[in-house]
Protein backbone atom coordinates (compact mmCIF):
# COMPACT_ATOMS: atom_id res chain seq x y z
CA UNK A 1 1.49 -21.13 22.74
CA UNK A 2 0.41 -21.76 26.74
CA UNK A 3 -0.32 -18.04 28.25
CA UNK A 4 -1.11 -18.45 32.43
CA UNK A 5 -3.32 -15.56 33.61
CA UNK A 6 -3.54 -14.55 36.95
CA UNK A 7 -7.46 -14.39 37.28
CA UNK A 8 -9.21 -18.05 37.51
CA UNK A 9 -12.16 -17.38 35.71
CA UNK A 10 -11.81 -17.23 31.60
CA UNK A 11 -11.76 -13.98 29.68
CA UNK A 12 -15.35 -13.27 28.54
CA UNK A 13 -15.97 -14.93 25.05
CA UNK A 14 -15.46 -12.65 22.09
CA UNK A 15 -19.05 -11.08 20.79
CA UNK A 16 -17.57 -11.65 17.47
CA UNK A 17 -15.93 -14.61 16.17
CA UNK A 18 -11.87 -12.75 15.81
CA UNK A 19 -10.80 -15.20 13.45
CA UNK A 20 -13.21 -14.51 10.74
CA UNK A 21 -11.29 -11.27 10.77
CA UNK A 22 -8.63 -12.31 8.47
CA UNK A 23 -9.33 -9.97 4.80
CA UNK A 24 -9.66 -12.00 1.08
CA UNK A 25 -7.04 -10.61 -0.78
CA UNK A 26 -7.40 -10.21 -4.88
CA UNK A 27 -5.99 -13.59 -5.20
CA UNK A 28 -8.63 -16.70 -5.34
CA UNK A 29 -8.87 -18.59 -1.96
CA UNK A 30 -6.15 -16.26 -0.11
CA UNK A 31 -6.80 -14.33 3.31
CA UNK A 32 -4.23 -12.33 5.17
CA UNK A 33 -4.47 -10.37 8.54
CA UNK A 34 -3.66 -6.35 7.73
CA UNK A 35 -3.01 -5.07 11.09
CA UNK A 36 -0.84 -2.22 10.41
CA UNK A 37 -0.69 0.48 7.58
CA UNK A 38 -3.24 -1.59 5.44
CA UNK A 39 0.04 -3.92 4.41
CA UNK A 40 1.89 -7.15 5.31
CA UNK A 41 4.09 -6.53 8.26
CA UNK A 42 8.03 -7.07 7.62
CA UNK A 43 8.70 -5.47 11.42
CA UNK A 44 7.37 -4.40 14.47
CA UNK A 45 9.52 -1.42 14.56
CA UNK A 46 11.19 0.28 11.84
CA UNK A 47 14.60 0.75 13.71
CA UNK A 48 14.44 -3.37 14.28
CA UNK A 49 15.60 -5.17 10.58
CA UNK A 50 17.95 -8.19 12.59
CA UNK A 51 17.81 -10.23 15.33
CA UNK A 52 20.89 -8.04 16.92
CA UNK A 53 18.48 -5.31 16.29
CA UNK A 54 15.72 -6.86 18.59
CA UNK A 55 18.35 -7.46 21.01
CA UNK A 56 19.44 -4.00 21.09
CA UNK A 57 16.19 -2.78 21.42
CA UNK A 58 14.95 -5.03 23.87
CA UNK A 59 17.81 -3.07 26.23
CA UNK A 60 16.69 0.05 24.99
CA UNK A 61 12.85 -0.58 25.91
CA UNK A 62 13.69 -2.14 29.36
CA UNK A 63 16.59 0.30 30.36
CA UNK A 64 18.80 -2.49 30.71
CA UNK A 65 16.52 -5.08 32.53
CA UNK A 66 16.45 -8.97 32.88
CA UNK A 67 17.07 -10.82 29.76
CA UNK A 68 17.75 -14.42 30.36
CA UNK A 69 17.79 -16.59 33.47
CA UNK A 70 18.61 -20.22 34.69
CA UNK A 71 17.71 -21.82 37.98
CA UNK A 72 20.43 -22.22 40.39
CA UNK A 73 19.27 -25.13 41.97
CA UNK A 74 21.28 -24.36 45.14
CA UNK A 75 19.89 -20.93 46.14
CA UNK A 76 16.22 -22.15 45.15
CA UNK A 77 15.90 -19.36 42.46
CA UNK A 78 16.37 -17.73 38.80
CA UNK A 79 19.73 -16.06 38.11
CA UNK A 80 19.16 -13.17 35.65
CA UNK A 81 21.67 -11.61 33.12
CA UNK A 82 20.41 -7.93 32.08
CA UNK A 83 20.47 -7.13 28.52
CA UNK A 84 23.83 -4.99 28.61
CA UNK A 85 25.40 -8.19 30.58
CA UNK A 86 24.21 -10.40 27.82
CA UNK A 87 24.96 -7.68 24.59
CA UNK A 88 28.98 -7.73 26.10
CA UNK A 89 29.18 -11.69 26.67
CA UNK A 90 27.63 -12.11 23.26
CA UNK A 91 30.35 -9.42 22.04
CA UNK A 92 33.17 -11.27 23.87
CA UNK A 93 32.26 -14.72 22.37
CA UNK A 94 31.66 -13.85 19.19
CA UNK A 95 35.14 -11.73 19.34
CA UNK A 96 36.41 -15.14 20.74
CA UNK A 97 35.34 -17.06 18.03
CA UNK A 98 37.24 -14.74 15.69
CA UNK A 99 40.28 -15.16 18.05
CA UNK A 100 40.57 -18.53 17.48
CA UNK A 101 39.68 -18.40 13.55
CA UNK A 102 36.59 -18.34 12.41
CA UNK A 103 35.63 -15.23 9.95
CA UNK A 104 33.30 -12.58 10.47
CA UNK A 105 30.80 -12.80 7.76
CA UNK A 106 27.70 -14.67 6.64
CA UNK A 107 30.01 -17.56 4.99
CA UNK A 108 30.83 -18.61 8.41
CA UNK A 109 28.76 -21.20 9.80
CA UNK A 110 29.14 -21.84 13.55
CA UNK A 111 27.44 -25.32 14.56
CA UNK A 112 25.20 -25.26 18.37
CA UNK A 113 24.77 -28.77 19.36
CA UNK A 114 23.19 -28.64 22.80
CA UNK A 115 19.99 -28.20 25.28
CA UNK A 116 18.79 -25.06 25.39
CA UNK A 117 20.77 -22.69 28.28
CA UNK A 118 22.03 -19.20 28.96
CA UNK A 119 25.28 -20.39 26.64
CA UNK A 120 23.35 -21.28 23.93
CA UNK A 121 21.96 -18.22 23.60
CA UNK A 122 25.02 -15.99 23.99
CA UNK A 123 26.56 -18.09 21.36
CA UNK A 124 24.21 -17.48 18.87
CA UNK A 125 24.08 -13.42 19.46
CA UNK A 126 27.79 -13.62 19.80
CA UNK A 127 27.76 -15.53 16.26
CA UNK A 128 24.81 -12.39 15.39
CA UNK A 129 27.42 -9.37 16.08
CA UNK A 130 30.10 -10.95 13.24
CA UNK A 131 27.39 -11.54 10.72
CA UNK A 132 28.07 -15.67 11.17
CA UNK A 133 25.17 -18.35 10.18
CA UNK A 134 24.11 -20.35 13.28
CA UNK A 135 23.43 -24.06 12.48
CA UNK A 136 21.53 -25.75 15.47
CA UNK A 137 21.92 -29.57 15.75
CA UNK A 138 18.95 -31.35 17.82
CA UNK A 139 20.13 -32.43 21.04
CA UNK A 140 18.80 -35.83 20.16
CA UNK A 141 19.90 -35.86 16.55
CA UNK A 142 21.84 -39.49 15.88
CA UNK A 143 25.38 -39.43 15.02
CA UNK A 144 24.57 -40.75 11.10
CA UNK A 145 22.29 -36.78 10.63
CA UNK A 146 24.92 -35.25 12.51
CA UNK A 147 28.01 -35.68 10.19
CA UNK A 148 25.63 -35.33 7.30
CA UNK A 149 25.34 -31.60 8.10
CA UNK A 150 28.58 -31.03 9.34
CA UNK A 151 29.61 -32.04 6.39
CA UNK A 152 27.12 -30.31 3.68
CA UNK A 153 27.60 -26.86 5.62
CA UNK A 154 31.36 -27.56 5.86
CA UNK A 155 31.22 -26.69 9.22
CA UNK A 156 34.32 -26.09 11.05
CA UNK A 157 33.39 -25.04 15.00
CA UNK A 158 30.60 -26.61 16.76
CA UNK A 159 29.72 -26.09 20.30
CA UNK A 160 28.64 -28.88 22.34
CA UNK A 161 27.21 -28.61 26.27
CA UNK A 162 28.79 -32.00 27.31
CA UNK A 163 31.73 -34.08 27.35
CA UNK A 164 29.29 -36.95 25.88
CA UNK A 165 28.35 -34.73 22.68
CA UNK A 166 32.26 -34.47 22.78
CA UNK A 167 32.96 -38.04 22.23
CA UNK A 168 30.32 -38.31 19.75
CA UNK A 169 31.47 -35.81 17.60
CA UNK A 170 35.08 -37.12 17.94
CA UNK A 171 34.17 -40.92 17.18
CA UNK A 172 32.42 -39.35 14.37
CA UNK A 173 35.84 -37.09 13.36
CA UNK A 174 37.05 -39.12 10.31
CA UNK A 175 33.84 -38.87 8.86
CA UNK A 176 33.79 -34.81 9.43
CA UNK A 177 36.98 -33.86 7.64
CA UNK A 178 36.37 -29.71 7.69
CA UNK A 179 35.50 -30.25 11.86
CA UNK A 180 38.70 -28.15 13.12
CA UNK A 181 37.32 -27.04 16.54
CA UNK A 182 35.17 -27.85 18.88
CA UNK A 183 33.84 -25.35 22.43
CA UNK A 184 32.34 -27.35 25.23
CA UNK A 185 30.19 -25.42 27.93
CA UNK A 186 31.21 -28.27 30.17
CA UNK A 187 34.66 -26.61 31.59
CA UNK A 188 35.56 -29.28 33.61
CA UNK A 189 37.29 -31.47 30.26
CA UNK A 190 39.24 -34.69 31.35
CA UNK A 191 42.34 -34.84 30.39
CA UNK A 192 41.28 -38.11 28.31
CA UNK A 193 39.15 -36.09 26.24
CA UNK A 194 41.93 -33.49 25.61
CA UNK A 195 44.26 -36.16 24.38
CA UNK A 196 41.68 -37.66 22.29
CA UNK A 197 41.14 -34.63 20.39
CA UNK A 198 44.56 -33.89 19.94
CA UNK A 199 44.94 -36.74 18.44
CA UNK A 200 42.29 -36.43 16.25
CA UNK A 201 43.52 -32.67 15.13
CA UNK A 202 40.72 -30.90 16.60
CA UNK A 203 41.30 -27.87 18.65
CA UNK A 204 39.43 -27.81 22.26
CA UNK A 205 38.32 -24.89 23.77
CA UNK A 206 35.90 -24.43 26.73
CA UNK A 207 33.16 -21.83 26.54
CA UNK A 208 34.76 -19.59 29.29
CA UNK A 209 37.87 -19.43 27.88
CA UNK A 210 36.75 -18.12 24.32
CA UNK A 211 34.38 -15.22 26.31
CA UNK A 212 37.97 -14.45 28.05
CA UNK A 213 39.54 -14.48 24.84
CA UNK A 214 37.19 -12.10 22.93
CA UNK A 215 37.25 -9.89 25.97
CA UNK A 216 41.22 -9.50 26.07
CA UNK A 217 41.07 -8.84 22.35
CA UNK A 218 38.15 -7.46 21.56
CA UNK A 219 37.46 -7.63 17.79
CA UNK A 220 35.25 -4.81 15.89
CA UNK A 221 31.45 -5.95 15.58
CA UNK A 222 29.89 -6.75 11.64
CA UNK A 223 26.42 -6.30 12.11
CA UNK A 224 23.96 -8.19 10.01
CA UNK A 225 21.59 -6.80 6.58
CA UNK A 226 18.44 -8.07 7.14
CA UNK A 227 19.18 -10.41 4.30
CA UNK A 228 22.07 -12.10 5.33
CA UNK A 229 21.23 -15.69 7.27
CA UNK A 230 20.29 -16.12 10.62
CA UNK A 231 20.19 -19.65 10.76
CA UNK A 232 20.45 -22.75 8.60
CA UNK A 233 17.79 -25.05 10.49
CA UNK A 234 17.91 -28.70 9.28
CA UNK A 235 14.33 -30.62 8.78
CA UNK A 236 14.30 -33.58 8.13
CA UNK A 237 10.55 -33.81 6.59
CA UNK A 238 9.01 -37.17 6.29
CA UNK A 239 11.78 -38.72 3.76
CA UNK A 240 15.12 -38.53 2.78
CA UNK A 241 18.13 -36.96 3.82
CA UNK A 242 17.90 -33.37 6.13
CA UNK A 243 17.41 -30.34 4.42
CA UNK A 244 18.78 -26.89 5.67
CA UNK A 245 16.02 -24.69 5.72
CA UNK A 246 18.04 -21.06 4.86
CA UNK A 247 16.49 -18.18 7.66
CA UNK A 248 17.67 -14.71 7.28
CA UNK A 249 17.17 -12.24 9.58
CA UNK A 250 14.01 -10.44 7.83
CA UNK A 251 12.65 -14.09 7.91
CA UNK A 252 12.65 -13.89 11.89
CA UNK A 253 11.86 -10.13 12.38
CA UNK A 254 9.25 -10.75 10.69
CA UNK A 255 7.76 -13.79 12.36
CA UNK A 256 8.66 -12.12 15.58
CA UNK A 257 6.56 -9.31 14.29
CA UNK A 258 3.60 -11.17 13.63
CA UNK A 259 3.53 -12.86 16.80
CA UNK A 260 3.87 -9.46 18.77
CA UNK A 261 1.13 -7.90 16.63
CA UNK A 262 -1.79 -10.39 16.89
CA UNK A 263 -1.15 -12.59 19.89
CA UNK A 264 0.55 -10.58 22.76
CA UNK A 265 -0.83 -6.69 21.90
CA UNK A 266 -2.90 -6.33 24.67
CA UNK A 267 0.01 -6.94 27.37
CA UNK A 268 3.12 -4.94 28.04
CA UNK A 269 6.26 -7.62 26.82
CA UNK A 270 8.05 -5.92 29.74
CA UNK A 271 6.12 -7.48 32.23
CA UNK A 272 6.12 -11.35 30.37
CA UNK A 273 8.23 -14.08 31.36
CA UNK A 274 9.05 -17.10 29.08
CA UNK A 275 10.15 -20.27 30.08
CA UNK A 276 12.44 -22.00 27.21
CA UNK A 277 12.34 -25.56 26.76
CA UNK A 278 11.22 -26.52 23.20
CA UNK A 279 14.38 -26.96 21.23
CA UNK A 280 16.19 -24.00 20.47
CA UNK A 281 16.99 -25.69 16.97
CA UNK A 282 12.96 -25.69 16.84
CA UNK A 283 11.66 -22.18 14.20
CA UNK A 284 8.85 -21.65 16.72
CA UNK A 285 11.05 -21.05 19.77
CA UNK A 286 13.43 -19.13 17.55
CA UNK A 287 10.72 -17.00 16.37
CA UNK A 288 8.94 -16.42 20.10
CA UNK A 289 12.47 -15.89 21.60
CA UNK A 290 12.87 -12.99 19.00
CA UNK A 291 9.92 -11.60 19.91
CA UNK A 292 10.55 -11.71 23.56
CA UNK A 293 13.38 -9.72 23.27
CA UNK A 294 12.07 -7.68 20.33
CA UNK A 295 9.78 -6.38 22.89
CA UNK A 296 11.42 -6.79 26.17
CA UNK A 297 10.59 -9.85 27.87
CA UNK A 298 12.73 -12.13 29.80
CA UNK A 299 13.32 -15.79 29.00
CA UNK A 300 14.14 -18.31 31.84
CA UNK A 301 15.99 -21.37 30.67
CA UNK A 302 14.51 -24.77 31.78
CA UNK A 303 17.05 -27.17 34.03
CA UNK A 304 17.67 -29.60 30.51
CA UNK A 305 15.53 -32.17 32.26
CA UNK A 306 11.59 -32.63 31.51
CA UNK A 307 10.94 -34.50 34.72
CA UNK A 308 12.05 -31.49 36.61
CA UNK A 309 9.93 -28.51 34.53
CA UNK A 310 6.93 -28.47 36.78
CA UNK A 311 9.69 -27.67 39.33
CA UNK A 312 10.98 -24.65 37.08
CA UNK A 313 7.34 -23.21 36.34
CA UNK A 314 7.33 -23.34 40.34
CA UNK A 315 10.39 -21.17 40.98
CA UNK A 316 10.39 -19.13 37.18
CA UNK A 317 6.49 -18.16 37.53
CA UNK A 318 6.36 -18.01 33.76
CA UNK A 319 3.30 -16.07 31.69
CA UNK A 320 4.04 -17.71 28.88
CA UNK A 321 4.97 -21.29 27.61
CA UNK A 322 6.04 -22.67 24.02
CA UNK A 323 4.34 -26.33 24.11
CA UNK A 324 3.54 -28.91 21.96
CA UNK A 325 0.24 -31.24 22.20
CA UNK A 326 1.69 -34.02 24.18
CA UNK A 327 3.13 -31.62 26.64
CA UNK A 328 0.28 -29.66 26.95
CA UNK A 329 -1.56 -32.45 27.89
CA UNK A 330 0.49 -33.13 31.18
CA UNK A 331 0.19 -29.95 32.52
CA UNK A 332 -3.64 -29.08 30.97
CA UNK A 333 -5.16 -30.08 34.31
CA UNK A 334 -3.23 -28.54 36.40
CA UNK A 335 -2.48 -25.08 35.57
CA UNK A 336 -5.11 -22.38 34.67
CA UNK A 337 -4.49 -20.75 31.80
CA UNK A 338 -5.33 -19.63 28.24
CA UNK A 339 -4.18 -21.87 25.09
CA UNK A 340 -3.30 -20.09 21.79
CA UNK A 341 -3.05 -22.64 19.06
CA UNK A 342 -0.65 -21.35 16.08
CA UNK A 343 -0.01 -23.21 12.64
CA UNK A 344 3.32 -23.18 10.44
CA UNK A 345 6.37 -25.05 10.03
CA UNK A 346 10.17 -24.68 9.42
CA UNK A 347 10.23 -23.01 6.55
CA UNK A 348 7.68 -20.42 7.84
CA UNK A 349 9.82 -19.85 10.80
CA UNK A 350 7.63 -21.66 12.54
CA UNK A 351 4.13 -19.60 12.96
CA UNK A 352 2.17 -18.57 9.76
CA UNK A 353 -1.10 -18.70 11.69
CA UNK A 354 -2.35 -17.91 15.74
CA UNK A 355 -5.43 -17.30 17.12
CA UNK A 356 -6.22 -14.22 19.17
CA UNK A 357 -6.28 -14.43 22.97
CA UNK A 358 -9.81 -14.88 24.03
CA UNK A 359 -10.87 -16.73 21.42
CA UNK A 360 -11.26 -20.13 22.58
CA UNK A 361 -13.35 -21.96 20.42
CA UNK A 362 -11.97 -24.89 19.04
CA UNK A 363 -11.03 -26.87 15.48
CA UNK A 364 -9.30 -24.02 14.10
CA UNK A 365 -5.83 -22.52 14.29
CA UNK A 366 -6.78 -18.77 13.82
CA UNK A 367 -5.90 -16.61 10.88
CA UNK A 368 -2.74 -15.69 9.38
CA UNK A 369 -0.04 -13.24 10.99
CA UNK A 370 0.11 -9.90 9.69
CA UNK A 371 3.78 -11.08 8.16
CA UNK A 372 2.18 -13.58 5.17
CA UNK A 373 -0.59 -14.38 3.45
CA UNK A 374 -2.26 -17.89 3.14
CA UNK A 375 -4.28 -19.61 0.14
CA UNK A 376 -5.44 -22.96 -0.51
CA UNK A 377 -4.81 -24.31 -4.02
CA UNK A 378 -6.82 -27.44 -5.64
CA UNK A 379 -5.54 -30.84 -5.00
CA UNK A 380 -7.40 -32.81 -7.64
CA UNK A 381 -5.65 -36.32 -6.68
CA UNK A 382 -7.04 -35.54 -3.33
CA UNK A 383 -10.28 -34.29 -4.69
CA UNK A 384 -9.65 -30.95 -2.71
CA UNK A 385 -11.08 -27.88 -4.43
CA UNK A 386 -11.36 -25.03 -3.03
CA UNK A 387 -14.62 -23.50 -5.12
CA UNK A 388 -16.53 -26.42 -4.40
CA UNK A 389 -15.76 -27.94 -1.13
CA UNK A 390 -13.67 -25.28 0.59
CA UNK A 391 -10.18 -27.62 0.64
CA UNK A 392 -6.93 -27.63 -0.57
CA UNK A 393 -3.19 -27.46 -0.18
CA UNK A 394 -2.00 -24.38 2.47
CA UNK A 395 0.15 -22.08 0.48
CA UNK A 396 2.17 -19.34 2.26
CA UNK A 397 4.03 -16.31 1.28
CA UNK A 398 5.28 -13.61 3.14
CA UNK A 399 8.78 -11.89 4.53
CA UNK A 400 8.82 -14.92 7.34
CA UNK A 401 9.16 -17.58 4.42
CA UNK A 402 12.53 -19.04 3.77
CA UNK A 403 14.67 -18.14 0.95
CA UNK A 404 15.36 -22.19 0.08
CA UNK A 405 17.05 -25.31 1.26
CA UNK A 406 20.71 -24.88 1.25
CA UNK A 407 22.39 -26.63 -1.91
CA UNK A 408 19.38 -28.25 -2.72
CA UNK A 409 17.71 -26.30 -5.65
CA UNK A 410 15.65 -29.69 -6.81
CA UNK A 411 13.64 -29.76 -3.33
CA UNK A 412 13.47 -25.85 -2.86
CA UNK A 413 11.48 -25.41 -6.05
CA UNK A 414 9.36 -28.32 -5.39
CA UNK A 415 8.13 -26.43 -2.60
CA UNK A 416 8.67 -22.75 -3.12
CA UNK A 417 7.11 -21.51 -6.28
CA UNK A 418 8.33 -18.54 -8.98
CA UNK A 419 5.63 -16.25 -6.90
CA UNK A 420 6.99 -16.98 -3.49
CA UNK A 421 4.34 -19.08 -2.54
CA UNK A 422 5.76 -21.73 0.31
CA UNK A 423 3.37 -25.07 -0.86
CA UNK A 424 3.03 -27.03 2.76
CA UNK A 425 1.61 -30.05 1.61
CA UNK A 426 -1.01 -30.01 3.93
CA UNK A 427 -4.78 -29.97 3.53
CA UNK A 428 -6.63 -27.16 4.97
CA UNK A 429 -9.80 -25.46 4.70
CA UNK A 430 -10.90 -21.73 5.43
CA UNK A 431 -14.42 -22.09 7.40
CA UNK A 432 -13.40 -19.41 9.82
CA UNK A 433 -9.64 -19.92 10.24
CA UNK A 434 -10.66 -23.83 10.62
CA UNK A 435 -7.83 -26.53 10.52
CA UNK A 436 -8.39 -30.47 10.39
CA UNK A 437 -5.49 -32.34 11.40
CA UNK A 438 -5.76 -35.96 12.91
CA UNK A 439 -3.68 -35.17 15.87
CA UNK A 440 -6.39 -32.89 17.50
CA UNK A 441 -8.44 -36.05 18.06
CA UNK A 442 -5.46 -38.51 19.07
CA UNK A 443 -4.67 -35.58 22.00
CA UNK A 444 -8.00 -35.81 23.09
CA UNK A 445 -8.34 -39.73 23.16
CA UNK A 446 -4.87 -39.90 24.88
CA UNK A 447 -6.42 -37.82 27.66
CA UNK A 448 -7.98 -40.72 28.74
CA UNK A 449 -6.05 -42.76 31.62
CA UNK A 450 -7.15 -46.05 29.55
CA UNK A 451 -5.63 -44.73 26.48
CA UNK A 452 -1.70 -45.02 26.25
CA UNK A 453 -1.14 -44.42 22.41
CA UNK A 454 -3.78 -43.42 19.51
CA UNK A 455 -3.16 -43.37 15.92
CA UNK A 456 -6.56 -41.73 13.91
CA UNK A 457 -6.73 -42.02 9.64
CA UNK A 458 -8.60 -40.10 7.73
CA UNK A 459 -9.83 -40.72 4.22
CA UNK A 460 -9.79 -37.43 2.26
CA UNK A 461 -12.06 -38.76 -0.31
CA UNK A 462 -14.97 -39.70 1.71
């Protein structure tokens, strides 16, 4: 996370290393951050148990203030939709889905195959109004992976943003027998594509059509329960076919609450603006967006082209930016800001640890978020013994940990034990929160003008 500050000088270094303040638990080599009520946090506010609750809470605390916006290049400014406008548009869109045959409930999966946008957000919360499950497809996903996901999840309806993606789906239609409906955000659909869709027995709609249908015949909403699935996020991991990470509403609320309590408790979320460009198919982006709407912040979406990112930033003037190291390297020398490092993976909604604002010490990723515990276990084959050298496999347990891989109990049992611990496969060590990763060294070397690519290899036995 990258937070922009108004001041030119850095905040004064804390007197105490804040990252040493995580607490040991009764379990060996395990720590947590008990920031509230001396217990693992489930929610930032007792009235908020689902992602849909978070949206309504944001509307309440802002009194209907700005929620999401997009860059209008013609006007040279961001155009904003209020929380109330977003809620009604989401209701209309969700109702429209019901009107075209998508049944309300947690058994209905809706795929979104698009870049970040206002429509992506509205479609997501439209699904949540009717307890439907969102299955994000990365914008860059190949046709084979796309077909696999649609088939495994038996998806009938896919939302796309461009006619190019629509072409891809139609080209693979014979390999995706369940695909019956496609909604295109680009409303100017060519007659040729309409004809192709008809020939493939695919019902084709544009986004505005669905909204209008839902508005004309508004269906009774069916809000989700905390234990209901919010998303199935497919991740390829390192090998094999994509695995569907099942994340509940309670998972996302816990992760968002941990971020609100630990990363940005010192500022008013109502004064914060997030520039959203990390894919919304990424669990970290989803957790941060949930934190923003829960706290009443606003989210501005980038234009869709990373080459125009600096232009978007100049117009939006965001206070928070979620980045991966490669992007951060490009803007580091141009923007004075505070870097908050974190660690996690899709299986825990993205974040599991985060450094505190004001702590500029390097070589660590901060203590556990308040929603989870982190422990180390021995890995003898890698000479990692928590008692002897302080190193071990990082394991995570908490309200943000997923409930399993979709239709893959074998892989689930490999990473999620019977006590609820997620085994990440990563090696870490407790040295005031220090986590060692070759990528950190690579990123430093790659900042040199003489280095184009860099690979750092480590030997865990030395």
